[in-house]
Amino acid sequence: MKLYYWPNTRAFTALWIMEELGEPYEIVHVNIRDPEHPTAAYRAINPMGKLPGLQDGECALGETAAVLLYAADKYPSKGFAPPPNDPRRGRFLQWLMFPSTTMEPVMVDKRAGTKASTSTLGWGDYDRAMAALETAMKPGPWLTGAVFTAADLYVASALRFGMQFGMIDRRAAFADFADRAFARPAFERAMAIETRELERLNPKA
């Protein structure tokens, strides 16, 4: 698999799942700030021209949730996605989609100070979204029970960004959940790669 990546982007979340899987993959650098971006070649991978992108043979796709699901389903024995006939699959899919469909919109609303119409917007509003997420973290330790999945990874990644920039309140349940996820060796490996890539772009004098 080829992971299209650039540091300090949403591609970190896809990088993390690659490290969790422990299967061979190649990093392909895509500078989304380059004036020539997105090229026609990259739009063939991700039509939006955004990151991450993933290519696996003739299969190419974008959107973080889709990349996580594809990677998790490709290696079912790794356990990062319940199989289709597993009763946990429904909740897994719900929480896997939650960061992009709900968390990001309400974070933007919170930062902008806008009051969303919870009855008309698909993501509801900040209070409803955060209450639903906090409730889902009980009894834990993960969103679908005892097993860490790609949904937990994505939610933790979104919490990391949101709490870092004050767009998500640092509730005890959120901090504890994120800390458990960030203690995983694969997260630490992904962070080491991210640090290496940042240093490559900004070498010390």
C-alpha atoms as a PDB file:
ATOM      1  CA  MET A   1       0.000   0.000   0.000  1.00  0.00           C
ATOM      2  CA  LYS A   2       1.074   3.566  -0.714  1.00  0.00           C
ATOM      3  CA  LEU A   3       0.110   6.217   1.832  1.00  0.00           C
ATOM      4  CA  TYR A   4       0.046   9.746   0.432  1.00  0.00           C
ATOM      5  CA  TYR A   5       1.225  11.860   3.300  1.00  0.00           C
ATOM      6  CA  TRP A   6       2.564  15.192   4.522  1.00  0.00           C
ATOM      7  CA  PRO A   7       3.342  16.099   8.147  1.00  0.00           C
ATOM      8  CA  ASN A   8       0.968  18.278  10.149  1.00  0.00           C
ATOM      9  CA  THR A   9      -2.035  17.139   8.124  1.00  0.00           C
ATOM     10  CA  ARG A  10      -4.904  14.713   8.605  1.00  0.00           C
ATOM     11  CA  ALA A  11      -2.704  12.093   6.995  1.00  0.00           C
ATOM     12  CA  PHE A  12      -1.268  11.459  10.466  1.00  0.00           C
ATOM     13  CA  THR A  13      -4.398   9.473  11.337  1.00  0.00           C
ATOM     14  CA  ALA A  14      -3.841   7.170   8.362  1.00  0.00           C
ATOM     15  CA  LEU A  15      -0.162   6.906   9.249  1.00  0.00           C
ATOM     16  CA  TRP A  16      -1.182   5.735  12.720  1.00  0.00           C
ATOM     17  CA  ILE A  17      -3.390   2.909  11.383  1.00  0.00           C
ATOM     18  CA  MET A  18      -0.564   1.797   9.112  1.00  0.00           C
ATOM     19  CA  GLU A  19       1.700   1.492  12.126  1.00  0.00           C
ATOM     20  CA  GLU A  20      -1.006  -0.356  14.044  1.00  0.00           C
ATOM     21  CA  LEU A  21      -1.382  -2.890  11.230  1.00  0.00           C
ATOM     22  CA  GLY A  22       2.341  -3.546  11.035  1.00  0.00           C
ATOM     23  CA  GLU A  23       2.111  -4.463   7.356  1.00  0.00           C
ATOM     24  CA  PRO A  24       4.432  -3.128   4.623  1.00  0.00           C
ATOM     25  CA  TYR A  25       3.530   0.283   3.255  1.00  0.00           C
ATOM     26  CA  GLU A  26       5.247   3.116   1.432  1.00  0.00           C
ATOM     27  CA  ILE A  27       5.028   6.815   2.243  1.00  0.00           C
ATOM     28  CA  VAL A  28       4.564   9.049  -0.795  1.00  0.00           C
ATOM     29  CA  HIS A  29       5.083  12.735  -0.045  1.00  0.00           C
ATOM     30  CA  VAL A  30       2.400  15.137  -1.234  1.00  0.00           C
ATOM     31  CA  ASN A  31       2.991  18.776  -0.362  1.00  0.00           C
ATOM     32  CA  ILE A  32      -0.523  20.182  -0.235  1.00  0.00           C
ATOM     33  CA  ARG A  33       0.907  23.705   0.040  1.00  0.00           C
ATOM     34  CA  ASP A  34       2.778  23.466  -3.250  1.00  0.00           C
ATOM     35  CA  PRO A  35       1.313  25.927  -5.801  1.00  0.00           C
ATOM     36  CA  GLU A  36       1.074  23.076  -8.313  1.00  0.00           C
ATOM     37  CA  HIS A  37      -1.028  20.955  -5.959  1.00  0.00           C
ATOM     38  CA  PRO A  38      -3.242  19.125  -6.637  1.00  0.00           C
ATOM     39  CA  THR A  39      -1.824  17.586  -9.747  1.00  0.00           C
ATOM     40  CA  ALA A  40      -3.971  15.558 -12.103  1.00  0.00           C
ATOM     41  CA  ALA A  41      -2.017  12.481 -11.032  1.00  0.00           C
ATOM     42  CA  TYR A  42      -2.897  13.033  -7.397  1.00  0.00           C
ATOM     43  CA  ARG A  43      -6.550  13.802  -8.134  1.00  0.00           C
ATOM     44  CA  ALA A  44      -6.673  10.315  -9.646  1.00  0.00           C
ATOM     45  CA  ILE A  45      -5.858   9.056  -6.131  1.00  0.00           C
ATOM     46  CA  ASN A  46      -8.009  11.488  -4.157  1.00  0.00           C
ATOM     47  CA  PRO A  47     -10.410  13.542  -6.291  1.00  0.00           C
ATOM     48  CA  MET A  48     -10.563  16.225  -3.582  1.00  0.00           C
ATOM     49  CA  GLY A  49      -6.807  16.674  -3.739  1.00  0.00           C
ATOM     50  CA  LYS A  50      -6.623  16.426   0.050  1.00  0.00           C
ATOM     51  CA  LEU A  51      -4.789  14.111   2.416  1.00  0.00           C
ATOM     52  CA  PRO A  52      -4.671  11.299   3.161  1.00  0.00           C
ATOM     53  CA  GLY A  53      -4.736   9.292  -0.020  1.00  0.00           C
ATOM     54  CA  LEU A  54      -4.225   5.562  -0.281  1.00  0.00           C
ATOM     55  CA  GLN A  55      -3.332   3.352  -3.219  1.00  0.00           C
ATOM     56  CA  ASP A  56      -3.391  -0.421  -3.094  1.00  0.00           C
ATOM     57  CA  GLY A  57      -2.759  -1.847  -6.541  1.00  0.00           C
ATOM     58  CA  GLU A  58      -5.608  -0.661  -8.756  1.00  0.00           C
ATOM     59  CA  CYS A  59      -7.609   0.595  -5.771  1.00  0.00           C
ATOM     60  CA  ALA A  60      -7.249   4.263  -4.881  1.00  0.00           C
ATOM     61  CA  LEU A  61      -9.193   6.327  -2.380  1.00  0.00           C
ATOM     62  CA  GLY A  62      -9.272   9.366  -0.135  1.00  0.00           C
ATOM     63  CA  GLU A  63     -11.235  10.466   2.971  1.00  0.00           C
ATOM     64  CA  THR A  64      -9.774   9.492   6.325  1.00  0.00           C
ATOM     65  CA  ALA A  65     -12.661   7.282   7.465  1.00  0.00           C
ATOM     66  CA  ALA A  66     -12.610   5.405   4.163  1.00  0.00           C
ATOM     67  CA  VAL A  67      -8.850   4.891   4.342  1.00  0.00           C
ATOM     68  CA  LEU A  68      -9.109   3.581   7.911  1.00  0.00           C
ATOM     69  CA  LEU A  69     -11.951   1.227   7.030  1.00  0.00           C
ATOM     70  CA  TYR A  70     -10.221  -0.060   3.909  1.00  0.00           C
ATOM     71  CA  ALA A  71      -6.986  -0.727   5.770  1.00  0.00           C
ATOM     72  CA  ALA A  72      -8.752  -2.371   8.714  1.00  0.00           C
ATOM     73  CA  ASP A  73     -10.899  -4.601   6.485  1.00  0.00           C
ATOM     74  CA  LYS A  74      -7.901  -5.599   4.368  1.00  0.00           C
ATOM     75  CA  TYR A  75      -6.347  -7.280   7.399  1.00  0.00           C
ATOM     76  CA  PRO A  76      -9.312  -8.677   9.354  1.00  0.00           C
ATOM     77  CA  SER A  77      -7.118 -10.843  11.582  1.00  0.00           C
ATOM     78  CA  LYS A  78      -5.648  -7.668  13.098  1.00  0.00           C
ATOM     79  CA  GLY A  79      -8.996  -6.885  14.713  1.00  0.00           C
ATOM     80  CA  PHE A  80      -9.261  -3.180  13.892  1.00  0.00           C
ATOM     81  CA  ALA A  81     -12.767  -3.558  12.446  1.00  0.00           C
ATOM     82  CA  PRO A  82     -15.499  -5.971  13.561  1.00  0.00           C
ATOM     83  CA  PRO A  83     -16.535  -8.251  10.683  1.00  0.00           C
ATOM     84  CA  PRO A  84     -19.785  -7.451   8.832  1.00  0.00           C
ATOM     85  CA  ASN A  85     -21.787 -10.080  10.730  1.00  0.00           C
ATOM     86  CA  ASP A  86     -20.558  -8.950  14.148  1.00  0.00           C
ATOM     87  CA  PRO A  87     -23.189  -7.087  16.242  1.00  0.00           C
ATOM     88  CA  ARG A  88     -20.547  -4.455  17.074  1.00  0.00           C
ATOM     89  CA  ARG A  89     -20.159  -3.524  13.403  1.00  0.00           C
ATOM     90  CA  GLY A  90     -22.989  -0.987  13.452  1.00  0.00           C
ATOM     91  CA  ARG A  91     -21.653   1.039  16.380  1.00  0.00           C
ATOM     92  CA  PHE A  92     -18.136   0.718  15.018  1.00  0.00           C
ATOM     93  CA  LEU A  93     -19.231   2.284  11.724  1.00  0.00           C
ATOM     94  CA  GLN A  94     -21.144   5.020  13.535  1.00  0.00           C
ATOM     95  CA  TRP A  95     -18.142   6.090  15.607  1.00  0.00           C
ATOM     96  CA  LEU A  96     -15.748   5.671  12.689  1.00  0.00           C
ATOM     97  CA  MET A  97     -17.770   8.252  10.742  1.00  0.00           C
ATOM     98  CA  PHE A  98     -18.324  10.521  13.761  1.00  0.00           C
ATOM     99  CA  PRO A  99     -15.091  12.578  13.610  1.00  0.00           C
ATOM    100  CA  SER A 100     -15.616  13.767  10.033  1.00  0.00           C
ATOM    101  CA  THR A 101     -19.409  14.018  10.021  1.00  0.00           C
ATOM    102  CA  THR A 102     -19.970  15.470  13.495  1.00  0.00           C
ATOM    103  CA  MET A 103     -16.846  16.299  15.507  1.00  0.00           C
ATOM    104  CA  GLU A 104     -15.207  18.527  12.894  1.00  0.00           C
ATOM    105  CA  PRO A 105     -18.359  20.559  12.135  1.00  0.00           C
ATOM    106  CA  VAL A 106     -19.114  21.220  15.811  1.00  0.00           C
ATOM    107  CA  MET A 107     -15.471  22.105  16.464  1.00  0.00           C
ATOM    108  CA  VAL A 108     -15.696  24.703  13.692  1.00  0.00           C
ATOM    109  CA  ASP A 109     -18.945  26.032  15.178  1.00  0.00           C
ATOM    110  CA  LYS A 110     -17.354  26.282  18.620  1.00  0.00           C
ATOM    111  CA  ARG A 111     -14.297  28.089  17.316  1.00  0.00           C
ATOM    112  CA  ALA A 112     -16.400  30.519  15.282  1.00  0.00           C
ATOM    113  CA  GLY A 113     -18.784  31.083  18.162  1.00  0.00           C
ATOM    114  CA  THR A 114     -21.792  30.250  16.009  1.00  0.00           C
ATOM    115  CA  LYS A 115     -24.968  28.720  17.392  1.00  0.00           C
ATOM    116  CA  ALA A 116     -25.932  25.715  15.305  1.00  0.00           C
ATOM    117  CA  SER A 117     -29.535  24.685  14.716  1.00  0.00           C
ATOM    118  CA  THR A 118     -29.527  21.206  16.209  1.00  0.00           C
ATOM    119  CA  SER A 119     -32.874  20.338  14.634  1.00  0.00           C
ATOM    120  CA  THR A 120     -31.819  21.087  11.060  1.00  0.00           C
ATOM    121  CA  LEU A 121     -28.099  20.339  10.827  1.00  0.00           C
ATOM    122  CA  GLY A 122     -26.989  16.750  10.385  1.00  0.00           C
ATOM    123  CA  TRP A 123     -24.326  17.110  13.078  1.00  0.00           C
ATOM    124  CA  GLY A 124     -26.698  18.598  15.634  1.00  0.00           C
ATOM    125  CA  ASP A 125     -24.680  20.944  17.831  1.00  0.00           C
ATOM    126  CA  TYR A 126     -21.591  20.911  20.042  1.00  0.00           C
ATOM    127  CA  ASP A 127     -23.324  20.028  23.309  1.00  0.00           C
ATOM    128  CA  ARG A 128     -25.328  17.169  21.806  1.00  0.00           C
ATOM    129  CA  ALA A 129     -22.294  15.749  19.994  1.00  0.00           C
ATOM    130  CA  MET A 130     -19.975  15.885  22.982  1.00  0.00           C
ATOM    131  CA  ALA A 131     -22.599  14.404  25.314  1.00  0.00           C
ATOM    132  CA  ALA A 132     -23.152  11.495  22.918  1.00  0.00           C
ATOM    133  CA  LEU A 133     -19.424  10.857  22.653  1.00  0.00           C
ATOM    134  CA  GLU A 134     -18.851  11.048  26.402  1.00  0.00           C
ATOM    135  CA  THR A 135     -21.695   8.590  27.022  1.00  0.00           C
ATOM    136  CA  ALA A 136     -20.274   6.198  24.418  1.00  0.00           C
ATOM    137  CA  MET A 137     -17.004   6.042  26.332  1.00  0.00           C
ATOM    138  CA  LYS A 138     -18.724   4.254  29.213  1.00  0.00           C
ATOM    139  CA  PRO A 139     -18.089   1.585  30.392  1.00  0.00           C
ATOM    140  CA  GLY A 140     -15.062   1.448  28.061  1.00  0.00           C
ATOM    141  CA  PRO A 141     -12.247   1.060  27.708  1.00  0.00           C
ATOM    142  CA  TRP A 142     -13.078   1.552  23.994  1.00  0.00           C
ATOM    143  CA  LEU A 143     -16.132   2.631  22.044  1.00  0.00           C
ATOM    144  CA  THR A 144     -17.289  -0.877  21.169  1.00  0.00           C
ATOM    145  CA  GLY A 145     -15.975  -2.625  24.273  1.00  0.00           C
ATOM    146  CA  ALA A 146     -12.689  -4.248  25.106  1.00  0.00           C
ATOM    147  CA  VAL A 147     -11.065  -4.127  21.657  1.00  0.00           C
ATOM    148  CA  PHE A 148      -9.319  -1.051  20.229  1.00  0.00           C
ATOM    149  CA  THR A 149     -10.558  -0.415  16.683  1.00  0.00           C
ATOM    150  CA  ALA A 150     -10.024   2.047  13.860  1.00  0.00           C
ATOM    151  CA  ALA A 151     -12.981   4.025  15.244  1.00  0.00           C
ATOM    152  CA  ASP A 152     -11.185   4.549  18.548  1.00  0.00           C
ATOM    153  CA  LEU A 153      -8.083   5.599  16.658  1.00  0.00           C
ATOM    154  CA  TYR A 154      -9.961   8.195  14.612  1.00  0.00           C
ATOM    155  CA  VAL A 155     -11.868   9.589  17.587  1.00  0.00           C
ATOM    156  CA  ALA A 156      -8.656   9.829  19.637  1.00  0.00           C
ATOM    157  CA  SER A 157      -6.923  11.593  16.768  1.00  0.00           C
ATOM    158  CA  ALA A 158      -9.771  14.103  16.506  1.00  0.00           C
ATOM    159  CA  LEU A 159      -9.723  14.650  20.266  1.00  0.00           C
ATOM    160  CA  ARG A 160      -5.989  15.288  20.129  1.00  0.00           C
ATOM    161  CA  PHE A 161      -6.457  18.067  17.589  1.00  0.00           C
ATOM    162  CA  GLY A 162      -9.607  19.504  19.139  1.00  0.00           C
ATOM    163  CA  MET A 163      -8.329  19.636  22.712  1.00  0.00           C
ATOM    164  CA  GLN A 164      -4.943  20.983  21.609  1.00  0.00           C
ATOM    165  CA  PHE A 165      -6.546  24.010  19.960  1.00  0.00           C
ATOM    166  CA  GLY A 166      -9.382  24.563  22.422  1.00  0.00           C
ATOM    167  CA  MET A 167     -12.132  23.413  20.070  1.00  0.00           C
ATOM    168  CA  ILE A 168     -13.086  20.527  22.370  1.00  0.00           C
ATOM    169  CA  ASP A 169     -13.385  20.860  26.127  1.00  0.00           C
ATOM    170  CA  ARG A 170     -10.812  18.783  27.967  1.00  0.00           C
ATOM    171  CA  ARG A 171     -13.333  16.627  29.811  1.00  0.00           C
ATOM    172  CA  ALA A 172     -11.931  13.897  32.042  1.00  0.00           C
ATOM    173  CA  ALA A 173     -13.504  11.166  29.909  1.00  0.00           C
ATOM    174  CA  PHE A 174     -11.964  12.595  26.733  1.00  0.00           C
ATOM    175  CA  ALA A 175      -8.519  13.061  28.250  1.00  0.00           C
ATOM    176  CA  ASP A 176      -8.499   9.550  29.733  1.00  0.00           C
ATOM    177  CA  PHE A 177      -9.641   8.017  26.441  1.00  0.00           C
ATOM    178  CA  ALA A 178      -7.010   9.914  24.468  1.00  0.00           C
ATOM    179  CA  ASP A 179      -4.255   9.056  26.946  1.00  0.00           C
ATOM    180  CA  ARG A 180      -5.050   5.328  26.635  1.00  0.00           C
ATOM    181  CA  ALA A 181      -4.887   5.572  22.856  1.00  0.00           C
ATOM    182  CA  PHE A 182      -1.679   7.613  22.833  1.00  0.00           C
ATOM    183  CA  ALA A 183       0.037   5.064  25.087  1.00  0.00           C
ATOM    184  CA  ARG A 184      -0.121   2.510  22.283  1.00  0.00           C
ATOM    185  CA  PRO A 185       3.273   1.681  20.729  1.00  0.00           C
ATOM    186  CA  ALA A 186       1.939   2.260  17.212  1.00  0.00           C
ATOM    187  CA  PHE A 187       0.966   5.824  18.105  1.00  0.00           C
ATOM    188  CA  GLU A 188       4.463   6.435  19.430  1.00  0.00           C
ATOM    189  CA  ARG A 189       5.967   5.043  16.215  1.00  0.00           C
ATOM    190  CA  ALA A 190       3.696   7.245  14.107  1.00  0.00           C
ATOM    191  CA  MET A 191       4.695  10.281  16.172  1.00  0.00           C
ATOM    192  CA  ALA A 192       8.359   9.415  15.644  1.00  0.00           C
ATOM    193  CA  ILE A 193       7.778   9.332  11.881  1.00  0.00           C
ATOM    194  CA  GLU A 194       5.897  12.631  12.052  1.00  0.00           C
ATOM    195  CA  THR A 195       8.788  14.204  13.979  1.00  0.00           C
ATOM    196  CA  ARG A 196      11.296  12.835  11.495  1.00  0.00           C
ATOM    197  CA  GLU A 197       9.309  14.234   8.578  1.00  0.00           C
ATOM    198  CA  LEU A 198       8.996  17.653  10.194  1.00  0.00           C
ATOM    199  CA  GLU A 199      12.751  17.739  10.803  1.00  0.00           C
ATOM    200  CA  ARG A 200      13.306  16.782   7.184  1.00  0.00           C
ATOM    201  CA  LEU A 201      11.322  19.840   6.110  1.00  0.00           C
ATOM    202  CA  ASN A 202      12.881  22.135   8.695  1.00  0.00           C
ATOM    203  CA  PRO A 203      16.440  20.941   9.313  1.00  0.00           C
ATOM    204  CA  LYS A 204      18.218  22.501  12.275  1.00  0.00           C
ATOM    205  CA  ALA A 205      21.054  24.844  11.426  1.00  0.00           C
END
